[in-house]
Amino acid sequence: NYVFLQGNDLENRFKDITNQRFTIIETGFGTGLNFLC
């Protein structure tokens, strides 16, 4: 949450989204924790 969600200001950007789609690209899926969050 600190590194990736807050680091990209995602909560505010998700709330204010104007487009139909928001794309995140990740290097290293691993356990999928970043995706779940």
PDB file of all heavy atoms in Angstrom:
ATOM      1  N   ASN A   1       0.817  -1.208   0.000  1.00  0.00           N
ATOM      2  CA  ASN A   1       0.000   0.000   0.000  1.00  0.00           C
ATOM      3  C   ASN A   1       0.853   1.261   0.000  1.00  0.00           C
ATOM      4  O   ASN A   1       0.555   2.227  -0.709  1.00  0.00           O
ATOM      5  CB  ASN A   1      -0.948  -0.012   1.203  1.00  0.00           C
ATOM      6  CG  ASN A   1      -2.193  -0.837   0.955  1.00  0.00           C
ATOM      7  OD1 ASN A   1      -3.087  -0.462   0.208  1.00  0.00           O
ATOM      8  ND2 ASN A   1      -2.254  -1.998   1.579  1.00  0.00           N
ATOM      9  N   TYR A   2       1.919   1.259   0.776  1.00  0.00           N
ATOM     10  CA  TYR A   2       2.786   2.433   0.864  1.00  0.00           C
ATOM     11  C   TYR A   2       3.574   2.647  -0.427  1.00  0.00           C
ATOM     12  O   TYR A   2       3.587   3.753  -0.986  1.00  0.00           O
ATOM     13  CB  TYR A   2       3.749   2.284   2.041  1.00  0.00           C
ATOM     14  CG  TYR A   2       4.705   3.446   2.187  1.00  0.00           C
ATOM     15  CD1 TYR A   2       4.307   4.628   2.817  1.00  0.00           C
ATOM     16  CD2 TYR A   2       5.998   3.375   1.682  1.00  0.00           C
ATOM     17  CE1 TYR A   2       5.173   5.700   2.944  1.00  0.00           C
ATOM     18  CE2 TYR A   2       6.871   4.447   1.801  1.00  0.00           C
ATOM     19  CZ  TYR A   2       6.462   5.604   2.430  1.00  0.00           C
ATOM     20  OH  TYR A   2       7.326   6.673   2.540  1.00  0.00           O
ATOM     21  N   VAL A   3       4.243   1.600  -0.885  1.00  0.00           N
ATOM     22  CA  VAL A   3       5.144   1.742  -2.032  1.00  0.00           C
ATOM     23  C   VAL A   3       4.379   1.941  -3.331  1.00  0.00           C
ATOM     24  O   VAL A   3       4.631   2.904  -4.069  1.00  0.00           O
ATOM     25  CB  VAL A   3       6.076   0.516  -2.143  1.00  0.00           C
ATOM     26  CG1 VAL A   3       6.908   0.599  -3.435  1.00  0.00           C
ATOM     27  CG2 VAL A   3       7.005   0.442  -0.942  1.00  0.00           C
ATOM     28  N   PHE A   4       3.456   1.064  -3.632  1.00  0.00           N
ATOM     29  CA  PHE A   4       2.850   1.064  -4.961  1.00  0.00           C
ATOM     30  C   PHE A   4       1.539   1.840  -5.058  1.00  0.00           C
ATOM     31  O   PHE A   4       1.344   2.598  -6.015  1.00  0.00           O
ATOM     32  CB  PHE A   4       2.671  -0.378  -5.441  1.00  0.00           C
ATOM     33  CG  PHE A   4       3.975  -1.094  -5.624  1.00  0.00           C
ATOM     34  CD1 PHE A   4       4.371  -2.091  -4.750  1.00  0.00           C
ATOM     35  CD2 PHE A   4       4.835  -0.741  -6.649  1.00  0.00           C
ATOM     36  CE1 PHE A   4       5.591  -2.736  -4.897  1.00  0.00           C
ATOM     37  CE2 PHE A   4       6.065  -1.371  -6.819  1.00  0.00           C
ATOM     38  CZ  PHE A   4       6.445  -2.369  -5.931  1.00  0.00           C
ATOM     39  N   LEU A   5       0.651   1.667  -4.083  1.00  0.00           N
ATOM     40  CA  LEU A   5      -0.619   2.393  -4.174  1.00  0.00           C
ATOM     41  C   LEU A   5      -0.429   3.869  -3.840  1.00  0.00           C
ATOM     42  O   LEU A   5      -0.793   4.735  -4.633  1.00  0.00           O
ATOM     43  CB  LEU A   5      -1.671   1.749  -3.268  1.00  0.00           C
ATOM     44  CG  LEU A   5      -2.476   0.608  -3.897  1.00  0.00           C
ATOM     45  CD1 LEU A   5      -1.575  -0.570  -4.250  1.00  0.00           C
ATOM     46  CD2 LEU A   5      -3.589   0.142  -2.974  1.00  0.00           C
ATOM     47  N   GLN A   6       0.183   4.155  -2.687  1.00  0.00           N
ATOM     48  CA  GLN A   6       0.423   5.555  -2.346  1.00  0.00           C
ATOM     49  C   GLN A   6       1.471   6.171  -3.258  1.00  0.00           C
ATOM     50  O   GLN A   6       1.375   7.344  -3.623  1.00  0.00           O
ATOM     51  CB  GLN A   6       0.854   5.673  -0.886  1.00  0.00           C
ATOM     52  CG  GLN A   6      -0.223   5.294   0.117  1.00  0.00           C
ATOM     53  CD  GLN A   6       0.271   5.396   1.549  1.00  0.00           C
ATOM     54  OE1 GLN A   6       1.089   6.260   1.882  1.00  0.00           O
ATOM     55  NE2 GLN A   6      -0.200   4.510   2.403  1.00  0.00           N
ATOM     56  N   GLY A   7       2.476   5.400  -3.629  1.00  0.00           N
ATOM     57  CA  GLY A   7       3.530   5.910  -4.505  1.00  0.00           C
ATOM     58  C   GLY A   7       3.017   6.377  -5.850  1.00  0.00           C
ATOM     59  O   GLY A   7       3.598   7.266  -6.481  1.00  0.00           O
ATOM     60  N   ASN A   8       1.904   5.789  -6.303  1.00  0.00           N
ATOM     61  CA  ASN A   8       1.257   6.202  -7.552  1.00  0.00           C
ATOM     62  C   ASN A   8      -0.024   7.008  -7.318  1.00  0.00           C
ATOM     63  O   ASN A   8      -0.752   7.295  -8.276  1.00  0.00           O
ATOM     64  CB  ASN A   8       0.927   4.974  -8.406  1.00  0.00           C
ATOM     65  CG  ASN A   8       2.125   4.390  -9.117  1.00  0.00           C
ATOM     66  OD1 ASN A   8       2.655   4.981 -10.047  1.00  0.00           O
ATOM     67  ND2 ASN A   8       2.577   3.216  -8.667  1.00  0.00           N
ATOM     68  N   ASP A   9      -0.313   7.334  -6.049  1.00  0.00           N
ATOM     69  CA  ASP A   9      -1.502   8.115  -5.682  1.00  0.00           C
ATOM     70  C   ASP A   9      -2.773   7.480  -6.251  1.00  0.00           C
ATOM     71  O   ASP A   9      -3.663   8.159  -6.771  1.00  0.00           O
ATOM     72  CB  ASP A   9      -1.358   9.561  -6.182  1.00  0.00           C
ATOM     73  CG  ASP A   9      -2.403  10.493  -5.568  1.00  0.00           C
ATOM     74  OD1 ASP A   9      -2.878  10.208  -4.454  1.00  0.00           O
ATOM     75  OD2 ASP A   9      -2.746  11.503  -6.224  1.00  0.00           O
ATOM     76  N   LEU A  10      -2.884   6.172  -6.130  1.00  0.00           N
ATOM     77  CA  LEU A  10      -3.955   5.457  -6.832  1.00  0.00           C
ATOM     78  C   LEU A  10      -5.337   5.696  -6.247  1.00  0.00           C
ATOM     79  O   LEU A  10      -6.319   5.771  -6.997  1.00  0.00           O
ATOM     80  CB  LEU A  10      -3.648   3.964  -6.867  1.00  0.00           C
ATOM     81  CG  LEU A  10      -2.483   3.550  -7.770  1.00  0.00           C
ATOM     82  CD1 LEU A  10      -2.413   2.045  -7.885  1.00  0.00           C
ATOM     83  CD2 LEU A  10      -2.585   4.183  -9.158  1.00  0.00           C
ATOM     84  N   GLU A  11      -5.462   5.809  -4.943  1.00  0.00           N
ATOM     85  CA  GLU A  11      -6.801   6.005  -4.383  1.00  0.00           C
ATOM     86  C   GLU A  11      -7.444   7.274  -4.931  1.00  0.00           C
ATOM     87  O   GLU A  11      -8.607   7.258  -5.362  1.00  0.00           O
ATOM     88  CB  GLU A  11      -6.741   6.069  -2.860  1.00  0.00           C
ATOM     89  CG  GLU A  11      -8.121   6.173  -2.220  1.00  0.00           C
ATOM     90  CD  GLU A  11      -8.099   6.074  -0.709  1.00  0.00           C
ATOM     91  OE1 GLU A  11      -7.053   5.678  -0.153  1.00  0.00           O
ATOM     92  OE2 GLU A  11      -9.134   6.386  -0.080  1.00  0.00           O
ATOM     93  N   ASN A  12      -6.706   8.364  -4.956  1.00  0.00           N
ATOM     94  CA  ASN A  12      -7.247   9.615  -5.490  1.00  0.00           C
ATOM     95  C   ASN A  12      -7.482   9.521  -6.990  1.00  0.00           C
ATOM     96  O   ASN A  12      -8.507  10.015  -7.504  1.00  0.00           O
ATOM     97  CB  ASN A  12      -6.298  10.772  -5.182  1.00  0.00           C
ATOM     98  CG  ASN A  12      -6.274  11.130  -3.720  1.00  0.00           C
ATOM     99  OD1 ASN A  12      -7.298  11.056  -3.032  1.00  0.00           O
ATOM    100  ND2 ASN A  12      -5.114  11.519  -3.215  1.00  0.00           N
ATOM    101  N   ARG A  13      -6.583   8.887  -7.702  1.00  0.00           N
ATOM    102  CA  ARG A  13      -6.737   8.778  -9.146  1.00  0.00           C
ATOM    103  C   ARG A  13      -7.903   7.872  -9.517  1.00  0.00           C
ATOM    104  O   ARG A  13      -8.620   8.128 -10.492  1.00  0.00           O
ATOM    105  CB  ARG A  13      -5.434   8.273  -9.772  1.00  0.00           C
ATOM    106  CG  ARG A  13      -4.294   9.272  -9.631  1.00  0.00           C
ATOM    107  CD  ARG A  13      -2.975   8.677 -10.061  1.00  0.00           C
ATOM    108  NE  ARG A  13      -2.875   8.551 -11.513  1.00  0.00           N
ATOM    109  CZ  ARG A  13      -1.887   7.910 -12.132  1.00  0.00           C
ATOM    110  NH1 ARG A  13      -0.937   7.297 -11.411  1.00  0.00           N
ATOM    111  NH2 ARG A  13      -1.848   7.847 -13.448  1.00  0.00           N
ATOM    112  N   PHE A  14      -8.107   6.809  -8.746  1.00  0.00           N
ATOM    113  CA  PHE A  14      -9.246   5.928  -9.001  1.00  0.00           C
ATOM    114  C   PHE A  14     -10.563   6.673  -8.766  1.00  0.00           C
ATOM    115  O   PHE A  14     -11.521   6.532  -9.532  1.00  0.00           O
ATOM    116  CB  PHE A  14      -9.193   4.704  -8.095  1.00  0.00           C
ATOM    117  CG  PHE A  14      -8.133   3.695  -8.464  1.00  0.00           C
ATOM    118  CD1 PHE A  14      -7.868   2.615  -7.627  1.00  0.00           C
ATOM    119  CD2 PHE A  14      -7.391   3.806  -9.625  1.00  0.00           C
ATOM    120  CE1 PHE A  14      -6.911   1.675  -7.951  1.00  0.00           C
ATOM    121  CE2 PHE A  14      -6.415   2.879  -9.973  1.00  0.00           C
ATOM    122  CZ  PHE A  14      -6.183   1.804  -9.110  1.00  0.00           C
ATOM    123  N   LYS A  15     -10.628   7.451  -7.705  1.00  0.00           N
ATOM    124  CA  LYS A  15     -11.856   8.190  -7.398  1.00  0.00           C
ATOM    125  C   LYS A  15     -12.196   9.192  -8.489  1.00  0.00           C
ATOM    126  O   LYS A  15     -13.366   9.409  -8.811  1.00  0.00           O
ATOM    127  CB  LYS A  15     -11.692   8.939  -6.069  1.00  0.00           C
ATOM    128  CG  LYS A  15     -11.741   8.081  -4.830  1.00  0.00           C
ATOM    129  CD  LYS A  15     -11.527   8.933  -3.585  1.00  0.00           C
ATOM    130  CE  LYS A  15     -11.556   8.096  -2.321  1.00  0.00           C
ATOM    131  NZ  LYS A  15     -11.267   8.917  -1.109  1.00  0.00           N
ATOM    132  N   ASP A  16     -11.158   9.819  -9.042  1.00  0.00           N
ATOM    133  CA  ASP A  16     -11.363  10.915  -9.992  1.00  0.00           C
ATOM    134  C   ASP A  16     -11.254  10.482 -11.444  1.00  0.00           C
ATOM    135  O   ASP A  16     -11.151  11.323 -12.337  1.00  0.00           O
ATOM    136  CB  ASP A  16     -10.334  12.024  -9.719  1.00  0.00           C
ATOM    137  CG  ASP A  16     -10.481  12.636  -8.340  1.00  0.00           C
ATOM    138  OD1 ASP A  16     -11.598  12.589  -7.796  1.00  0.00           O
ATOM    139  OD2 ASP A  16      -9.482  13.140  -7.805  1.00  0.00           O
ATOM    140  N   ILE A  17     -11.252   9.194 -11.709  1.00  0.00           N
ATOM    141  CA  ILE A  17     -11.048   8.703 -13.070  1.00  0.00           C
ATOM    142  C   ILE A  17     -12.137   9.220 -14.008  1.00  0.00           C
ATOM    143  O   ILE A  17     -13.323   9.242 -13.667  1.00  0.00           O
ATOM    144  CB  ILE A  17     -10.989   7.164 -13.085  1.00  0.00           C
ATOM    145  CG1 ILE A  17     -10.545   6.655 -14.456  1.00  0.00           C
ATOM    146  CG2 ILE A  17     -12.312   6.553 -12.657  1.00  0.00           C
ATOM    147  CD1 ILE A  17     -10.261   5.159 -14.475  1.00  0.00           C
ATOM    148  N   THR A  18     -11.701   9.649 -15.173  1.00  0.00           N
ATOM    149  CA  THR A  18     -12.640  10.125 -16.193  1.00  0.00           C
ATOM    150  C   THR A  18     -12.703   9.176 -17.391  1.00  0.00           C
ATOM    151  O   THR A  18     -13.689   9.178 -18.126  1.00  0.00           O
ATOM    152  CB  THR A  18     -12.237  11.527 -16.680  1.00  0.00           C
ATOM    153  OG1 THR A  18     -10.884  11.491 -17.158  1.00  0.00           O
ATOM    154  CG2 THR A  18     -12.347  12.538 -15.551  1.00  0.00           C
ATOM    155  N   ASN A  19     -11.664   8.368 -17.580  1.00  0.00           N
ATOM    156  CA  ASN A  19     -11.659   7.410 -18.680  1.00  0.00           C
ATOM    157  C   ASN A  19     -12.394   6.131 -18.289  1.00  0.00           C
ATOM    158  O   ASN A  19     -12.671   5.890 -17.116  1.00  0.00           O
ATOM    159  CB  ASN A  19     -10.221   7.082 -19.087  1.00  0.00           C
ATOM    160  CG  ASN A  19      -9.484   8.285 -19.618  1.00  0.00           C
ATOM    161  OD1 ASN A  19     -10.077   9.174 -20.211  1.00  0.00           O
ATOM    162  ND2 ASN A  19      -8.180   8.337 -19.393  1.00  0.00           N
ATOM    163  N   GLN A  20     -12.675   5.320 -19.281  1.00  0.00           N
ATOM    164  CA  GLN A  20     -13.362   4.056 -19.034  1.00  0.00           C
ATOM    165  C   GLN A  20     -12.418   2.990 -18.479  1.00  0.00           C
ATOM    166  O   GLN A  20     -12.865   2.011 -17.901  1.00  0.00           O
ATOM    167  CB  GLN A  20     -13.993   3.549 -20.338  1.00  0.00           C
ATOM    168  CG  GLN A  20     -15.117   4.408 -20.859  1.00  0.00           C
ATOM    169  CD  GLN A  20     -16.335   4.367 -19.957  1.00  0.00           C
ATOM    170  OE1 GLN A  20     -16.732   3.326 -19.455  1.00  0.00           O
ATOM    171  NE2 GLN A  20     -16.939   5.535 -19.733  1.00  0.00           N
ATOM    172  N   ARG A  21     -11.112   3.204 -18.644  1.00  0.00           N
ATOM    173  CA  ARG A  21     -10.158   2.162 -18.284  1.00  0.00           C
ATOM    174  C   ARG A  21      -8.909   2.775 -17.672  1.00  0.00           C
ATOM    175  O   ARG A  21      -8.445   3.831 -18.116  1.00  0.00           O
ATOM    176  CB  ARG A  21      -9.774   1.366 -19.528  1.00  0.00           C
ATOM    177  CG  ARG A  21      -9.171   0.006 -19.264  1.00  0.00           C
ATOM    178  CD  ARG A  21      -8.823  -0.684 -20.585  1.00  0.00           C
ATOM    179  NE  ARG A  21      -9.083  -2.102 -20.531  1.00  0.00           N
ATOM    180  CZ  ARG A  21      -8.480  -2.996 -21.317  1.00  0.00           C
ATOM    181  NH1 ARG A  21      -7.604  -2.600 -22.217  1.00  0.00           N
ATOM    182  NH2 ARG A  21      -8.755  -4.274 -21.208  1.00  0.00           N
ATOM    183  N   PHE A  22      -8.374   2.110 -16.642  1.00  0.00           N
ATOM    184  CA  PHE A  22      -7.114   2.505 -16.020  1.00  0.00           C
ATOM    185  C   PHE A  22      -6.184   1.299 -16.087  1.00  0.00           C
ATOM    186  O   PHE A  22      -6.548   0.205 -15.665  1.00  0.00           O
ATOM    187  CB  PHE A  22      -7.336   2.930 -14.568  1.00  0.00           C
ATOM    188  CG  PHE A  22      -6.135   3.568 -13.924  1.00  0.00           C
ATOM    189  CD1 PHE A  22      -6.037   4.952 -13.840  1.00  0.00           C
ATOM    190  CD2 PHE A  22      -5.114   2.793 -13.395  1.00  0.00           C
ATOM    191  CE1 PHE A  22      -4.933   5.555 -13.248  1.00  0.00           C
ATOM    192  CE2 PHE A  22      -4.010   3.376 -12.805  1.00  0.00           C
ATOM    193  CZ  PHE A  22      -3.916   4.759 -12.717  1.00  0.00           C
ATOM    194  N   THR A  23      -4.973   1.516 -16.615  1.00  0.00           N
ATOM    195  CA  THR A  23      -4.047   0.407 -16.824  1.00  0.00           C
ATOM    196  C   THR A  23      -2.829   0.518 -15.921  1.00  0.00           C
ATOM    197  O   THR A  23      -2.141   1.538 -15.915  1.00  0.00           O
ATOM    198  CB  THR A  23      -3.581   0.348 -18.291  1.00  0.00           C
ATOM    199  OG1 THR A  23      -4.716   0.121 -19.134  1.00  0.00           O
ATOM    200  CG2 THR A  23      -2.578  -0.774 -18.498  1.00  0.00           C
ATOM    201  N   ILE A  24      -2.590  -0.548 -15.174  1.00  0.00           N
ATOM    202  CA  ILE A  24      -1.365  -0.702 -14.391  1.00  0.00           C
ATOM    203  C   ILE A  24      -0.530  -1.784 -15.061  1.00  0.00           C
ATOM    204  O   ILE A  24      -1.045  -2.860 -15.391  1.00  0.00           O
ATOM    205  CB  ILE A  24      -1.671  -1.126 -12.943  1.00  0.00           C
ATOM    206  CG1 ILE A  24      -2.442  -0.023 -12.205  1.00  0.00           C
ATOM    207  CG2 ILE A  24      -0.376  -1.464 -12.191  1.00  0.00           C
ATOM    208  CD1 ILE A  24      -2.969  -0.462 -10.844  1.00  0.00           C
ATOM    209  N   ILE A  25       0.751  -1.506 -15.269  1.00  0.00           N
ATOM    210  CA  ILE A  25       1.676  -2.529 -15.749  1.00  0.00           C
ATOM    211  C   ILE A  25       2.701  -2.786 -14.647  1.00  0.00           C
ATOM    212  O   ILE A  25       3.278  -1.855 -14.101  1.00  0.00           O
ATOM    213  CB  ILE A  25       2.373  -2.138 -17.067  1.00  0.00           C
ATOM    214  CG1 ILE A  25       1.336  -1.840 -18.161  1.00  0.00           C
ATOM    215  CG2 ILE A  25       3.298  -3.270 -17.516  1.00  0.00           C
ATOM    216  CD1 ILE A  25       1.940  -1.500 -19.514  1.00  0.00           C
ATOM    217  N   GLU A  26       2.906  -4.054 -14.364  1.00  0.00           N
ATOM    218  CA  GLU A  26       3.771  -4.460 -13.264  1.00  0.00           C
ATOM    219  C   GLU A  26       4.883  -5.375 -13.762  1.00  0.00           C
ATOM    220  O   GLU A  26       4.644  -6.256 -14.589  1.00  0.00           O
ATOM    221  CB  GLU A  26       2.942  -5.191 -12.213  1.00  0.00           C
ATOM    222  CG  GLU A  26       3.752  -5.825 -11.086  1.00  0.00           C
ATOM    223  CD  GLU A  26       2.887  -6.684 -10.180  1.00  0.00           C
ATOM    224  OE1 GLU A  26       2.127  -7.528 -10.714  1.00  0.00           O
ATOM    225  OE2 GLU A  26       2.964  -6.504  -8.957  1.00  0.00           O
ATOM    226  N   THR A  27       6.073  -5.191 -13.240  1.00  0.00           N
ATOM    227  CA  THR A  27       7.164  -6.126 -13.499  1.00  0.00           C
ATOM    228  C   THR A  27       7.319  -7.015 -12.270  1.00  0.00           C
ATOM    229  O   THR A  27       7.704  -6.547 -11.209  1.00  0.00           O
ATOM    230  CB  THR A  27       8.482  -5.378 -13.772  1.00  0.00           C
ATOM    231  OG1 THR A  27       8.811  -4.557 -12.646  1.00  0.00           O
ATOM    232  CG2 THR A  27       8.361  -4.495 -15.011  1.00  0.00           C
ATOM    233  N   GLY A  28       6.986  -8.283 -12.416  1.00  0.00           N
ATOM    234  CA  GLY A  28       7.115  -9.218 -11.304  1.00  0.00           C
ATOM    235  C   GLY A  28       5.817  -9.454 -10.564  1.00  0.00           C
ATOM    236  O   GLY A  28       5.539  -8.790  -9.570  1.00  0.00           O
ATOM    237  N   PHE A  29       5.010 -10.405 -11.040  1.00  0.00           N
ATOM    238  CA  PHE A  29       3.721 -10.690 -10.398  1.00  0.00           C
ATOM    239  C   PHE A  29       3.905 -11.356  -9.040  1.00  0.00           C
ATOM    240  O   PHE A  29       3.159 -11.080  -8.094  1.00  0.00           O
ATOM    241  CB  PHE A  29       2.868 -11.580 -11.302  1.00  0.00           C
ATOM    242  CG  PHE A  29       1.463 -11.767 -10.824  1.00  0.00           C
ATOM    243  CD1 PHE A  29       0.541 -10.741 -10.923  1.00  0.00           C
ATOM    244  CD2 PHE A  29       1.049 -12.981 -10.271  1.00  0.00           C
ATOM    245  CE1 PHE A  29      -0.769 -10.908 -10.476  1.00  0.00           C
ATOM    246  CE2 PHE A  29      -0.250 -13.164  -9.830  1.00  0.00           C
ATOM    247  CZ  PHE A  29      -1.161 -12.120  -9.932  1.00  0.00           C
ATOM    248  N   GLY A  30       4.877 -12.269  -8.948  1.00  0.00           N
ATOM    249  CA  GLY A  30       5.171 -12.919  -7.673  1.00  0.00           C
ATOM    250  C   GLY A  30       3.974 -13.617  -7.075  1.00  0.00           C
ATOM    251  O   GLY A  30       3.315 -14.446  -7.709  1.00  0.00           O
ATOM    252  N   THR A  31       3.654 -13.278  -5.844  1.00  0.00           N
ATOM    253  CA  THR A  31       2.518 -13.878  -5.136  1.00  0.00           C
ATOM    254  C   THR A  31       1.195 -13.224  -5.486  1.00  0.00           C
ATOM    255  O   THR A  31       0.139 -13.667  -5.018  1.00  0.00           O
ATOM    256  CB  THR A  31       2.716 -13.765  -3.616  1.00  0.00           C
ATOM    257  OG1 THR A  31       2.774 -12.377  -3.259  1.00  0.00           O
ATOM    258  CG2 THR A  31       3.990 -14.467  -3.165  1.00  0.00           C
ATOM    259  N   GLY A  32       1.234 -12.153  -6.281  1.00  0.00           N
ATOM    260  CA  GLY A  32       0.006 -11.447  -6.639  1.00  0.00           C
ATOM    261  C   GLY A  32      -0.450 -10.448  -5.599  1.00  0.00           C
ATOM    262  O   GLY A  32      -1.549  -9.887  -5.718  1.00  0.00           O
ATOM    263  N   LEU A  33       0.368 -10.175  -4.581  1.00  0.00           N
ATOM    264  CA  LEU A  33      -0.044  -9.265  -3.514  1.00  0.00           C
ATOM    265  C   LEU A  33      -0.360  -7.870  -4.049  1.00  0.00           C
ATOM    266  O   LEU A  33      -1.376  -7.268  -3.658  1.00  0.00           O
ATOM    267  CB  LEU A  33       1.049  -9.176  -2.445  1.00  0.00           C
ATOM    268  CG  LEU A  33       0.820  -8.152  -1.331  1.00  0.00           C
ATOM    269  CD1 LEU A  33      -0.482  -8.424  -0.585  1.00  0.00           C
ATOM    270  CD2 LEU A  33       2.010  -8.145  -0.368  1.00  0.00           C
ATOM    271  N   ASN A  34       0.475  -7.354  -4.926  1.00  0.00           N
ATOM    272  CA  ASN A  34       0.221  -6.012  -5.461  1.00  0.00           C
ATOM    273  C   ASN A  34      -1.096  -5.966  -6.224  1.00  0.00           C
ATOM    274  O   ASN A  34      -1.851  -4.988  -6.139  1.00  0.00           O
ATOM    275  CB  ASN A  34       1.361  -5.574  -6.390  1.00  0.00           C
ATOM    276  CG  ASN A  34       2.688  -5.449  -5.670  1.00  0.00           C
ATOM    277  OD1 ASN A  34       2.749  -5.345  -4.459  1.00  0.00           O
ATOM    278  ND2 ASN A  34       3.767  -5.458  -6.440  1.00  0.00           N
ATOM    279  N   PHE A  35      -1.368  -7.031  -6.969  1.00  0.00           N
ATOM    280  CA  PHE A  35      -2.636  -7.098  -7.702  1.00  0.00           C
ATOM    281  C   PHE A  35      -3.821  -7.112  -6.750  1.00  0.00           C
ATOM    282  O   PHE A  35      -4.804  -6.385  -6.959  1.00  0.00           O
ATOM    283  CB  PHE A  35      -2.669  -8.340  -8.594  1.00  0.00           C
ATOM    284  CG  PHE A  35      -4.040  -8.652  -9.123  1.00  0.00           C
ATOM    285  CD1 PHE A  35      -4.629  -7.850 -10.083  1.00  0.00           C
ATOM    286  CD2 PHE A  35      -4.760  -9.733  -8.630  1.00  0.00           C
ATOM    287  CE1 PHE A  35      -5.910  -8.118 -10.564  1.00  0.00           C
ATOM    288  CE2 PHE A  35      -6.034 -10.018  -9.101  1.00  0.00           C
ATOM    289  CZ  PHE A  35      -6.611  -9.203 -10.071  1.00  0.00           C
ATOM    290  N   LEU A  36      -3.763  -7.921  -5.716  1.00  0.00           N
ATOM    291  CA  LEU A  36      -4.870  -8.008  -4.761  1.00  0.00           C
ATOM    292  C   LEU A  36      -5.143  -6.650  -4.113  1.00  0.00           C
ATOM    293  O   LEU A  36      -6.303  -6.241  -3.972  1.00  0.00           O
ATOM    294  CB  LEU A  36      -4.566  -9.043  -3.686  1.00  0.00           C
ATOM    295  CG  LEU A  36      -4.387 -10.496  -4.127  1.00  0.00           C
ATOM    296  CD1 LEU A  36      -4.071 -11.374  -2.921  1.00  0.00           C
ATOM    297  CD2 LEU A  36      -5.621 -11.020  -4.861  1.00  0.00           C
ATOM    298  N   CYS A  37      -4.079  -5.952  -3.736  1.00  0.00           N
ATOM    299  CA  CYS A  37      -4.246  -4.643  -3.083  1.00  0.00           C
ATOM    300  C   CYS A  37      -4.815  -3.610  -4.050  1.00  0.00           C
ATOM    301  O   CYS A  37      -5.697  -2.828  -3.688  1.00  0.00           O
ATOM    302  CB  CYS A  37      -2.917  -4.163  -2.519  1.00  0.00           C
ATOM    303  SG  CYS A  37      -2.339  -5.091  -1.084  1.00  0.00           S
TER     304      CYS A  37
END
